[in-house]
Amino acid sequence: MAKGKEPNEMSFLDHLEELRWHLIRSTIAVVIIGMVAFLMKDFIFGTIIFGPKEPDFPTYDIFCKLSQLLGFSEAFCNSEAVFTIQSRQMAEQFSIHIWTSIWAGFIVGFPYILYEMWKFISPGLYEKERKSSKGFIFIASLLFFLGVLFGYYIVSPLSINFLGSYSLDDSIVREFDISSYVATVRASVIACGLIFELPIIVFFLTKVGLVTPEILRKYRKISLVVVLILSAIITPPDIASQIVVAVPILILYQISIYISKIVLKREAKKEKKNAKSR
């Protein structure tokens, strides 16, 4: 909020000006972290981005052992890379280097972005609301990073292994553009990171009265269908992969119902205290 003014004294333009500076500071943070990531090219690409395409990626070893134990297909037990990555445009690699660095800046700088958002929102809240929302940045960041890790170690390998090994005919050579490969990894990681923010979103929607536990329970079946659709979008079209992704999202949905219930109980207690004090 604008310095030297009470929240209720600020005009619409004051709010826009304050929001602009929060966005500018967030952008600067992303750019600075992105510049560091740009200089760490070998680690970002050689270790992180291209990691899931290598047969010795840890996820494949785990899934290979599980598939052998359960008697499923041993598609994750490949000892050699099943495809190669190519670049067919002059500026493609440089462009991907820049944009991947920016996305790395967004992921690593996510807690600071939340901090700037919180600084903008919190002055408009009551003191009790600010106290009840303590830990917002930590919890939201933790959920985001858990989602990123889930996307990187679970969703990305599932997608890359399935799509990279899928073939219509043995005569087809599997040579994928680097932009297509990086987009697959990026979409898996960012999508899961944002999906894991579901409990935080439900918390605030409950606070403003748009969501209740009853509504979440009522539309649980519809939510299940939506979750399965989301799982189908960000994973390869096989049942096992969709279940692997759908399970944690459904768990998050159930946690969100519990969080919504707690928020309403707290709001009810506050109303009772206010009624007694009058």
C-alpha atoms as a PDB file:
ATOM      1  CA  MET A   1       0.000   0.000   0.000  1.00  0.00           C
ATOM      2  CA  ALA A   2       1.143   3.598  -0.488  1.00  0.00           C
ATOM      3  CA  LYS A   3       3.367   4.870   2.284  1.00  0.00           C
ATOM      4  CA  GLY A   4       2.012   7.515   4.621  1.00  0.00           C
ATOM      5  CA  LYS A   5      -1.633   6.715   3.838  1.00  0.00           C
ATOM      6  CA  GLU A   6      -4.200   4.531   5.528  1.00  0.00           C
ATOM      7  CA  PRO A   7      -5.577   1.713   3.315  1.00  0.00           C
ATOM      8  CA  ASN A   8      -9.067   3.284   3.341  1.00  0.00           C
ATOM      9  CA  GLU A   9      -7.638   6.650   2.235  1.00  0.00           C
ATOM     10  CA  MET A  10      -5.967   5.300  -0.884  1.00  0.00           C
ATOM     11  CA  SER A  11      -7.464   6.025  -4.247  1.00  0.00           C
ATOM     12  CA  PHE A  12      -7.735   3.518  -7.066  1.00  0.00           C
ATOM     13  CA  LEU A  13      -4.716   5.088  -8.767  1.00  0.00           C
ATOM     14  CA  ASP A  14      -2.731   4.815  -5.516  1.00  0.00           C
ATOM     15  CA  HIS A  15      -3.473   1.087  -5.432  1.00  0.00           C
ATOM     16  CA  LEU A  16      -2.424   0.715  -9.054  1.00  0.00           C
ATOM     17  CA  GLU A  17       0.816   2.591  -8.403  1.00  0.00           C
ATOM     18  CA  GLU A  18       1.613   0.440  -5.401  1.00  0.00           C
ATOM     19  CA  LEU A  19       0.787  -2.732  -7.319  1.00  0.00           C
ATOM     20  CA  ARG A  20       3.038  -1.561 -10.153  1.00  0.00           C
ATOM     21  CA  TRP A  21       6.030  -1.281  -7.827  1.00  0.00           C
ATOM     22  CA  HIS A  22       5.387  -4.713  -6.313  1.00  0.00           C
ATOM     23  CA  LEU A  23       5.271  -6.165  -9.836  1.00  0.00           C
ATOM     24  CA  ILE A  24       8.436  -4.282 -10.811  1.00  0.00           C
ATOM     25  CA  ARG A  25      10.341  -5.598  -7.784  1.00  0.00           C
ATOM     26  CA  SER A  26       9.102  -9.141  -8.476  1.00  0.00           C
ATOM     27  CA  THR A  27      10.175  -8.853 -12.110  1.00  0.00           C
ATOM     28  CA  ILE A  28      13.613  -7.560 -11.110  1.00  0.00           C
ATOM     29  CA  ALA A  29      14.046 -10.524  -8.750  1.00  0.00           C
ATOM     30  CA  VAL A  30      13.070 -12.975 -11.508  1.00  0.00           C
ATOM     31  CA  VAL A  31      15.464 -11.307 -13.961  1.00  0.00           C
ATOM     32  CA  ILE A  32      18.383 -11.353 -11.490  1.00  0.00           C
ATOM     33  CA  ILE A  33      17.867 -15.032 -10.655  1.00  0.00           C
ATOM     34  CA  GLY A  34      17.377 -15.716 -14.357  1.00  0.00           C
ATOM     35  CA  MET A  35      20.729 -14.086 -15.119  1.00  0.00           C
ATOM     36  CA  VAL A  36      22.406 -16.386 -12.603  1.00  0.00           C
ATOM     37  CA  ALA A  37      20.627 -19.365 -14.179  1.00  0.00           C
ATOM     38  CA  PHE A  38      21.752 -18.169 -17.625  1.00  0.00           C
ATOM     39  CA  LEU A  39      25.384 -18.375 -16.474  1.00  0.00           C
ATOM     40  CA  MET A  40      24.781 -21.882 -15.071  1.00  0.00           C
ATOM     41  CA  LYS A  41      23.983 -23.297 -18.503  1.00  0.00           C
ATOM     42  CA  ASP A  42      25.780 -26.634 -18.050  1.00  0.00           C
ATOM     43  CA  PHE A  43      24.014 -27.400 -14.773  1.00  0.00           C
ATOM     44  CA  ILE A  44      20.559 -26.141 -15.821  1.00  0.00           C
ATOM     45  CA  PHE A  45      20.510 -28.036 -19.113  1.00  0.00           C
ATOM     46  CA  GLY A  46      23.051 -30.840 -18.746  1.00  0.00           C
ATOM     47  CA  THR A  47      21.900 -31.933 -15.286  1.00  0.00           C
ATOM     48  CA  ILE A  48      18.338 -30.685 -14.774  1.00  0.00           C
ATOM     49  CA  ILE A  49      16.572 -30.206 -18.123  1.00  0.00           C
ATOM     50  CA  PHE A  50      18.126 -33.184 -19.929  1.00  0.00           C
ATOM     51  CA  GLY A  51      18.199 -35.382 -16.831  1.00  0.00           C
ATOM     52  CA  PRO A  52      14.782 -37.049 -17.384  1.00  0.00           C
ATOM     53  CA  LYS A  53      15.751 -38.238 -20.881  1.00  0.00           C
ATOM     54  CA  GLU A  54      18.685 -40.289 -19.573  1.00  0.00           C
ATOM     55  CA  PRO A  55      18.101 -44.001 -18.767  1.00  0.00           C
ATOM     56  CA  ASP A  56      19.942 -43.651 -15.437  1.00  0.00           C
ATOM     57  CA  PHE A  57      17.523 -40.992 -14.138  1.00  0.00           C
ATOM     58  CA  PRO A  58      16.561 -42.149 -10.592  1.00  0.00           C
ATOM     59  CA  THR A  59      12.821 -42.217 -11.318  1.00  0.00           C
ATOM     60  CA  TYR A  60      13.280 -44.829 -14.060  1.00  0.00           C
ATOM     61  CA  ASP A  61      15.196 -47.120 -11.722  1.00  0.00           C
ATOM     62  CA  ILE A  62      12.413 -46.919  -9.124  1.00  0.00           C
ATOM     63  CA  PHE A  63       9.634 -47.464 -11.678  1.00  0.00           C
ATOM     64  CA  CYS A  64      11.607 -50.297 -13.283  1.00  0.00           C
ATOM     65  CA  LYS A  65      11.870 -52.144  -9.964  1.00  0.00           C
ATOM     66  CA  LEU A  66       8.183 -51.513  -9.210  1.00  0.00           C
ATOM     67  CA  SER A  67       7.083 -52.745 -12.639  1.00  0.00           C
ATOM     68  CA  GLN A  68       9.188 -55.903 -12.220  1.00  0.00           C
ATOM     69  CA  LEU A  69       7.784 -56.451  -8.739  1.00  0.00           C
ATOM     70  CA  LEU A  70       4.181 -56.036  -9.888  1.00  0.00           C
ATOM     71  CA  GLY A  71       4.678 -57.907 -13.150  1.00  0.00           C
ATOM     72  CA  PHE A  72       3.877 -54.922 -15.371  1.00  0.00           C
ATOM     73  CA  SER A  73       5.558 -53.826 -18.577  1.00  0.00           C
ATOM     74  CA  GLU A  74       9.257 -53.045 -18.182  1.00  0.00           C
ATOM     75  CA  ALA A  75       9.097 -49.897 -20.313  1.00  0.00           C
ATOM     76  CA  PHE A  76      11.100 -47.983 -17.705  1.00  0.00           C
ATOM     77  CA  CYS A  77      13.986 -50.466 -17.783  1.00  0.00           C
ATOM     78  CA  ASN A  78      15.659 -49.148 -20.944  1.00  0.00           C
ATOM     79  CA  SER A  79      19.452 -49.136 -20.771  1.00  0.00           C
ATOM     80  CA  GLU A  80      19.847 -46.720 -23.700  1.00  0.00           C
ATOM     81  CA  ALA A  81      18.263 -43.419 -24.652  1.00  0.00           C
ATOM     82  CA  VAL A  82      15.391 -44.078 -27.063  1.00  0.00           C
ATOM     83  CA  PHE A  83      15.509 -40.706 -28.818  1.00  0.00           C
ATOM     84  CA  THR A  84      17.814 -37.826 -29.638  1.00  0.00           C
ATOM     85  CA  ILE A  85      17.285 -34.084 -29.362  1.00  0.00           C
ATOM     86  CA  GLN A  86      18.005 -31.787 -32.277  1.00  0.00           C
ATOM     87  CA  SER A  87      17.968 -28.071 -33.064  1.00  0.00           C
ATOM     88  CA  ARG A  88      16.879 -27.050 -36.571  1.00  0.00           C
ATOM     89  CA  GLN A  89      16.695 -23.271 -36.278  1.00  0.00           C
ATOM     90  CA  MET A  90      19.556 -20.807 -35.999  1.00  0.00           C
ATOM     91  CA  ALA A  91      18.300 -18.891 -32.957  1.00  0.00           C
ATOM     92  CA  GLU A  92      16.438 -21.763 -31.313  1.00  0.00           C
ATOM     93  CA  GLN A  93      19.045 -22.757 -28.731  1.00  0.00           C
ATOM     94  CA  PHE A  94      19.760 -19.178 -27.699  1.00  0.00           C
ATOM     95  CA  SER A  95      16.050 -18.404 -27.386  1.00  0.00           C
ATOM     96  CA  ILE A  96      15.435 -21.516 -25.287  1.00  0.00           C
ATOM     97  CA  HIS A  97      18.440 -20.648 -23.130  1.00  0.00           C
ATOM     98  CA  ILE A  98      16.945 -17.227 -22.355  1.00  0.00           C
ATOM     99  CA  TRP A  99      13.382 -18.399 -21.703  1.00  0.00           C
ATOM    100  CA  THR A 100      14.478 -21.378 -19.611  1.00  0.00           C
ATOM    101  CA  SER A 101      16.575 -19.009 -17.487  1.00  0.00           C
ATOM    102  CA  ILE A 102      13.536 -16.754 -16.989  1.00  0.00           C
ATOM    103  CA  TRP A 103      11.371 -19.705 -15.954  1.00  0.00           C
ATOM    104  CA  ALA A 104      14.126 -20.828 -13.581  1.00  0.00           C
ATOM    105  CA  GLY A 105      14.072 -17.308 -12.138  1.00  0.00           C
ATOM    106  CA  PHE A 106      10.302 -17.563 -11.635  1.00  0.00           C
ATOM    107  CA  ILE A 107      10.524 -20.957  -9.909  1.00  0.00           C
ATOM    108  CA  VAL A 108      13.427 -20.084  -7.604  1.00  0.00           C
ATOM    109  CA  GLY A 109      12.071 -16.579  -6.958  1.00  0.00           C
ATOM    110  CA  PHE A 110       8.522 -17.778  -6.239  1.00  0.00           C
ATOM    111  CA  PRO A 111       8.776 -17.143  -2.455  1.00  0.00           C
ATOM    112  CA  TYR A 112       9.842 -13.549  -3.089  1.00  0.00           C
ATOM    113  CA  ILE A 113       6.976 -13.065  -5.569  1.00  0.00           C
ATOM    114  CA  LEU A 114       4.599 -14.289  -2.864  1.00  0.00           C
ATOM    115  CA  TYR A 115       6.246 -11.921  -0.391  1.00  0.00           C
ATOM    116  CA  GLU A 116       5.584  -8.954  -2.690  1.00  0.00           C
ATOM    117  CA  MET A 117       1.989 -10.090  -3.202  1.00  0.00           C
ATOM    118  CA  TRP A 118       1.542 -10.392   0.556  1.00  0.00           C
ATOM    119  CA  LYS A 119       2.973  -6.911   1.144  1.00  0.00           C
ATOM    120  CA  PHE A 120       0.377  -5.541  -1.263  1.00  0.00           C
ATOM    121  CA  ILE A 121      -2.587  -7.475   0.175  1.00  0.00           C
ATOM    122  CA  SER A 122      -1.862  -7.549   3.920  1.00  0.00           C
ATOM    123  CA  PRO A 123      -2.383  -3.811   4.693  1.00  0.00           C
ATOM    124  CA  GLY A 124      -5.986  -4.226   3.577  1.00  0.00           C
ATOM    125  CA  LEU A 125      -6.604  -7.007   6.102  1.00  0.00           C
ATOM    126  CA  TYR A 126      -7.628  -6.709   9.735  1.00  0.00           C
ATOM    127  CA  GLU A 127      -4.968  -7.402  12.359  1.00  0.00           C
ATOM    128  CA  LYS A 128      -6.623 -10.706  13.311  1.00  0.00           C
ATOM    129  CA  GLU A 129      -6.722 -11.757   9.667  1.00  0.00           C
ATOM    130  CA  ARG A 130      -3.019 -10.991   9.272  1.00  0.00           C
ATOM    131  CA  LYS A 131      -2.209 -13.046  12.360  1.00  0.00           C
ATOM    132  CA  SER A 132      -4.351 -15.971  11.198  1.00  0.00           C
ATOM    133  CA  SER A 133      -2.563 -15.902   7.843  1.00  0.00           C
ATOM    134  CA  LYS A 134       0.936 -16.104   9.301  1.00  0.00           C
ATOM    135  CA  GLY A 135       3.044 -18.666   7.533  1.00  0.00           C
ATOM    136  CA  PHE A 136       1.273 -18.022   4.227  1.00  0.00           C
ATOM    137  CA  ILE A 137       4.505 -17.431   2.314  1.00  0.00           C
ATOM    138  CA  PHE A 138       6.217 -20.485   3.803  1.00  0.00           C
ATOM    139  CA  ILE A 139       3.300 -22.871   3.252  1.00  0.00           C
ATOM    140  CA  ALA A 140       2.498 -21.604  -0.239  1.00  0.00           C
ATOM    141  CA  SER A 141       6.177 -21.826  -1.233  1.00  0.00           C
ATOM    142  CA  LEU A 142       6.478 -25.307   0.265  1.00  0.00           C
ATOM    143  CA  LEU A 143       3.436 -26.532  -1.672  1.00  0.00           C
ATOM    144  CA  PHE A 144       4.748 -24.964  -4.873  1.00  0.00           C
ATOM    145  CA  PHE A 145       8.189 -26.575  -4.547  1.00  0.00           C
ATOM    146  CA  LEU A 146       6.612 -29.935  -3.680  1.00  0.00           C
ATOM    147  CA  GLY A 147       4.556 -29.612  -6.872  1.00  0.00           C
ATOM    148  CA  VAL A 148       7.660 -28.693  -8.871  1.00  0.00           C
ATOM    149  CA  LEU A 149       9.524 -31.732  -7.531  1.00  0.00           C
ATOM    150  CA  PHE A 150       6.532 -33.963  -8.237  1.00  0.00           C
ATOM    151  CA  GLY A 151       6.321 -32.609 -11.779  1.00  0.00           C
ATOM    152  CA  TYR A 152      10.057 -33.049 -12.364  1.00  0.00           C
ATOM    153  CA  TYR A 153      10.570 -36.486 -10.821  1.00  0.00           C
ATOM    154  CA  ILE A 154       7.197 -38.084 -11.610  1.00  0.00           C
ATOM    155  CA  VAL A 155       5.237 -36.355 -14.373  1.00  0.00           C
ATOM    156  CA  SER A 156       8.179 -35.412 -16.625  1.00  0.00           C
ATOM    157  CA  PRO A 157       9.741 -38.906 -16.694  1.00  0.00           C
ATOM    158  CA  LEU A 158       6.331 -40.493 -17.321  1.00  0.00           C
ATOM    159  CA  SER A 159       5.635 -38.133 -20.217  1.00  0.00           C
ATOM    160  CA  ILE A 160       9.127 -38.300 -21.701  1.00  0.00           C
ATOM    161  CA  ASN A 161       9.372 -42.076 -21.431  1.00  0.00           C
ATOM    162  CA  PHE A 162       5.968 -42.670 -23.007  1.00  0.00           C
ATOM    163  CA  LEU A 163       6.087 -40.014 -25.724  1.00  0.00           C
ATOM    164  CA  GLY A 164       9.776 -40.600 -26.449  1.00  0.00           C
ATOM    165  CA  SER A 165       9.372 -44.349 -26.914  1.00  0.00           C
ATOM    166  CA  TYR A 166       5.992 -44.272 -28.675  1.00  0.00           C
ATOM    167  CA  SER A 167       6.271 -45.240 -32.327  1.00  0.00           C
ATOM    168  CA  LEU A 168       3.890 -45.875 -35.198  1.00  0.00           C
ATOM    169  CA  ASP A 169       6.496 -47.790 -37.145  1.00  0.00           C
ATOM    170  CA  ASP A 170      10.086 -48.973 -36.612  1.00  0.00           C
ATOM    171  CA  SER A 171      11.182 -47.035 -39.677  1.00  0.00           C
ATOM    172  CA  ILE A 172      10.453 -43.712 -37.916  1.00  0.00           C
ATOM    173  CA  VAL A 173      13.530 -42.054 -36.414  1.00  0.00           C
ATOM    174  CA  ARG A 174      12.907 -40.432 -33.026  1.00  0.00           C
ATOM    175  CA  GLU A 175      14.586 -37.029 -33.293  1.00  0.00           C
ATOM    176  CA  PHE A 176      12.744 -34.332 -31.390  1.00  0.00           C
ATOM    177  CA  ASP A 177      13.234 -30.581 -31.512  1.00  0.00           C
ATOM    178  CA  ILE A 178      14.777 -29.147 -28.377  1.00  0.00           C
ATOM    179  CA  SER A 179      11.887 -26.662 -28.081  1.00  0.00           C
ATOM    180  CA  SER A 180       9.379 -29.529 -27.941  1.00  0.00           C
ATOM    181  CA  TYR A 181      11.373 -31.412 -25.308  1.00  0.00           C
ATOM    182  CA  VAL A 182      11.944 -28.363 -23.080  1.00  0.00           C
ATOM    183  CA  ALA A 183       8.254 -27.399 -23.374  1.00  0.00           C
ATOM    184  CA  THR A 184       7.250 -30.871 -22.120  1.00  0.00           C
ATOM    185  CA  VAL A 185       9.482 -30.611 -19.056  1.00  0.00           C
ATOM    186  CA  ARG A 186       8.485 -27.010 -18.359  1.00  0.00           C
ATOM    187  CA  ALA A 187       4.743 -27.680 -18.662  1.00  0.00           C
ATOM    188  CA  SER A 188       4.952 -30.667 -16.303  1.00  0.00           C
ATOM    189  CA  VAL A 189       6.908 -28.762 -13.670  1.00  0.00           C
ATOM    190  CA  ILE A 190       5.003 -25.452 -13.742  1.00  0.00           C
ATOM    191  CA  ALA A 191       1.564 -27.098 -13.989  1.00  0.00           C
ATOM    192  CA  CYS A 192       2.190 -29.335 -10.982  1.00  0.00           C
ATOM    193  CA  GLY A 193       3.668 -26.458  -8.992  1.00  0.00           C
ATOM    194  CA  LEU A 194       0.526 -24.382  -9.524  1.00  0.00           C
ATOM    195  CA  ILE A 195      -1.871 -27.306  -8.992  1.00  0.00           C
ATOM    196  CA  PHE A 196      -0.284 -27.969  -5.595  1.00  0.00           C
ATOM    197  CA  GLU A 197      -1.398 -24.451  -4.551  1.00  0.00           C
ATOM    198  CA  LEU A 198      -5.005 -25.728  -4.383  1.00  0.00           C
ATOM    199  CA  PRO A 199      -5.228 -25.690  -0.535  1.00  0.00           C
ATOM    200  CA  ILE A 200      -4.035 -22.059  -0.441  1.00  0.00           C
ATOM    201  CA  ILE A 201      -6.564 -21.045  -3.101  1.00  0.00           C
ATOM    202  CA  VAL A 202      -9.385 -22.778  -1.208  1.00  0.00           C
ATOM    203  CA  PHE A 203      -8.273 -21.086   2.026  1.00  0.00           C
ATOM    204  CA  PHE A 204      -8.686 -17.599   0.563  1.00  0.00           C
ATOM    205  CA  LEU A 205     -11.872 -18.475  -1.333  1.00  0.00           C
ATOM    206  CA  THR A 206     -13.347 -19.685   1.962  1.00  0.00           C
ATOM    207  CA  LYS A 207     -12.220 -16.510   3.719  1.00  0.00           C
ATOM    208  CA  VAL A 208     -14.149 -14.360   1.218  1.00  0.00           C
ATOM    209  CA  GLY A 209     -17.184 -16.648   1.365  1.00  0.00           C
ATOM    210  CA  LEU A 210     -17.051 -18.094  -2.143  1.00  0.00           C
ATOM    211  CA  VAL A 211     -16.341 -21.672  -1.035  1.00  0.00           C
ATOM    212  CA  THR A 212     -17.595 -23.860   1.808  1.00  0.00           C
ATOM    213  CA  PRO A 213     -16.895 -27.483   2.776  1.00  0.00           C
ATOM    214  CA  GLU A 214     -20.428 -28.349   1.702  1.00  0.00           C
ATOM    215  CA  ILE A 215     -19.827 -26.969  -1.780  1.00  0.00           C
ATOM    216  CA  LEU A 216     -16.530 -28.881  -2.065  1.00  0.00           C
ATOM    217  CA  ARG A 217     -18.201 -32.108  -0.944  1.00  0.00           C
ATOM    218  CA  LYS A 218     -21.197 -31.548  -3.214  1.00  0.00           C
ATOM    219  CA  TYR A 219     -19.004 -31.185  -6.287  1.00  0.00           C
ATOM    220  CA  ARG A 220     -16.509 -33.873  -5.289  1.00  0.00           C
ATOM    221  CA  LYS A 221     -17.549 -36.164  -8.153  1.00  0.00           C
ATOM    222  CA  ILE A 222     -17.316 -33.348 -10.678  1.00  0.00           C
ATOM    223  CA  SER A 223     -13.920 -32.438  -9.221  1.00  0.00           C
ATOM    224  CA  LEU A 224     -12.816 -36.033  -9.665  1.00  0.00           C
ATOM    225  CA  VAL A 225     -13.658 -35.826 -13.370  1.00  0.00           C
ATOM    226  CA  VAL A 226     -11.807 -32.487 -13.654  1.00  0.00           C
ATOM    227  CA  VAL A 227      -8.784 -34.000 -11.891  1.00  0.00           C
ATOM    228  CA  LEU A 228      -8.738 -36.942 -14.287  1.00  0.00           C
ATOM    229  CA  ILE A 229      -8.969 -34.550 -17.244  1.00  0.00           C
ATOM    230  CA  LEU A 230      -6.073 -32.501 -15.856  1.00  0.00           C
ATOM    231  CA  SER A 231      -4.100 -35.692 -15.314  1.00  0.00           C
ATOM    232  CA  ALA A 232      -4.762 -36.721 -18.898  1.00  0.00           C
ATOM    233  CA  ILE A 233      -3.582 -33.324 -20.168  1.00  0.00           C
ATOM    234  CA  ILE A 234      -0.252 -33.221 -18.302  1.00  0.00           C
ATOM    235  CA  THR A 235       0.569 -36.938 -18.519  1.00  0.00           C
ATOM    236  CA  PRO A 236       0.788 -39.527 -21.294  1.00  0.00           C
ATOM    237  CA  PRO A 237      -2.533 -41.205 -22.175  1.00  0.00           C
ATOM    238  CA  ASP A 238      -2.075 -44.366 -20.129  1.00  0.00           C
ATOM    239  CA  ILE A 239      -4.094 -45.252 -17.026  1.00  0.00           C
ATOM    240  CA  ALA A 240      -1.112 -45.874 -14.715  1.00  0.00           C
ATOM    241  CA  SER A 241       0.402 -42.441 -15.332  1.00  0.00           C
ATOM    242  CA  GLN A 242      -2.932 -40.688 -14.866  1.00  0.00           C
ATOM    243  CA  ILE A 243      -3.521 -42.469 -11.557  1.00  0.00           C
ATOM    244  CA  VAL A 244      -0.043 -41.538 -10.328  1.00  0.00           C
ATOM    245  CA  VAL A 245      -0.808 -37.865 -10.980  1.00  0.00           C
ATOM    246  CA  ALA A 246      -4.474 -37.946  -9.922  1.00  0.00           C
ATOM    247  CA  VAL A 247      -3.865 -39.442  -6.453  1.00  0.00           C
ATOM    248  CA  PRO A 248      -1.895 -36.514  -4.951  1.00  0.00           C
ATOM    249  CA  ILE A 249      -4.320 -34.004  -6.510  1.00  0.00           C
ATOM    250  CA  LEU A 250      -7.262 -35.814  -4.919  1.00  0.00           C
ATOM    251  CA  ILE A 251      -5.407 -35.834  -1.595  1.00  0.00           C
ATOM    252  CA  LEU A 252      -4.883 -32.075  -1.932  1.00  0.00           C
ATOM    253  CA  TYR A 253      -8.601 -31.674  -2.674  1.00  0.00           C
ATOM    254  CA  GLN A 254      -9.491 -33.571   0.499  1.00  0.00           C
ATOM    255  CA  ILE A 255      -7.031 -31.451   2.490  1.00  0.00           C
ATOM    256  CA  SER A 256      -8.678 -28.368   1.000  1.00  0.00           C
ATOM    257  CA  ILE A 257     -12.070 -29.498   2.343  1.00  0.00           C
ATOM    258  CA  TYR A 258     -10.538 -29.859   5.801  1.00  0.00           C
ATOM    259  CA  ILE A 259      -8.903 -26.416   5.546  1.00  0.00           C
ATOM    260  CA  SER A 260     -12.198 -24.849   4.460  1.00  0.00           C
ATOM    261  CA  LYS A 261     -13.902 -26.424   7.462  1.00  0.00           C
ATOM    262  CA  ILE A 262     -11.278 -25.025   9.852  1.00  0.00           C
ATOM    263  CA  VAL A 263     -11.580 -21.530   8.358  1.00  0.00           C
ATOM    264  CA  LEU A 264     -15.364 -21.515   8.806  1.00  0.00           C
ATOM    265  CA  LYS A 265     -15.051 -22.709  12.407  1.00  0.00           C
ATOM    266  CA  ARG A 266     -12.641 -19.874  13.166  1.00  0.00           C
ATOM    267  CA  GLU A 267     -14.946 -17.359  11.498  1.00  0.00           C
ATOM    268  CA  ALA A 268     -17.882 -18.663  13.559  1.00  0.00           C
ATOM    269  CA  LYS A 269     -15.883 -18.299  16.791  1.00  0.00           C
ATOM    270  CA  LYS A 270     -14.958 -14.730  15.874  1.00  0.00           C
ATOM    271  CA  GLU A 271     -18.601 -13.869  15.236  1.00  0.00           C
ATOM    272  CA  LYS A 272     -19.615 -15.302  18.614  1.00  0.00           C
ATOM    273  CA  LYS A 273     -16.926 -13.286  20.403  1.00  0.00           C
ATOM    274  CA  ASN A 274     -17.972 -10.130  18.583  1.00  0.00           C
ATOM    275  CA  ALA A 275     -21.632 -10.766  19.481  1.00  0.00           C
ATOM    276  CA  LYS A 276     -20.783 -11.217  23.183  1.00  0.00           C
ATOM    277  CA  SER A 277     -18.653  -8.073  23.289  1.00  0.00           C
ATOM    278  CA  ARG A 278     -21.515  -5.927  21.973  1.00  0.00           C
END
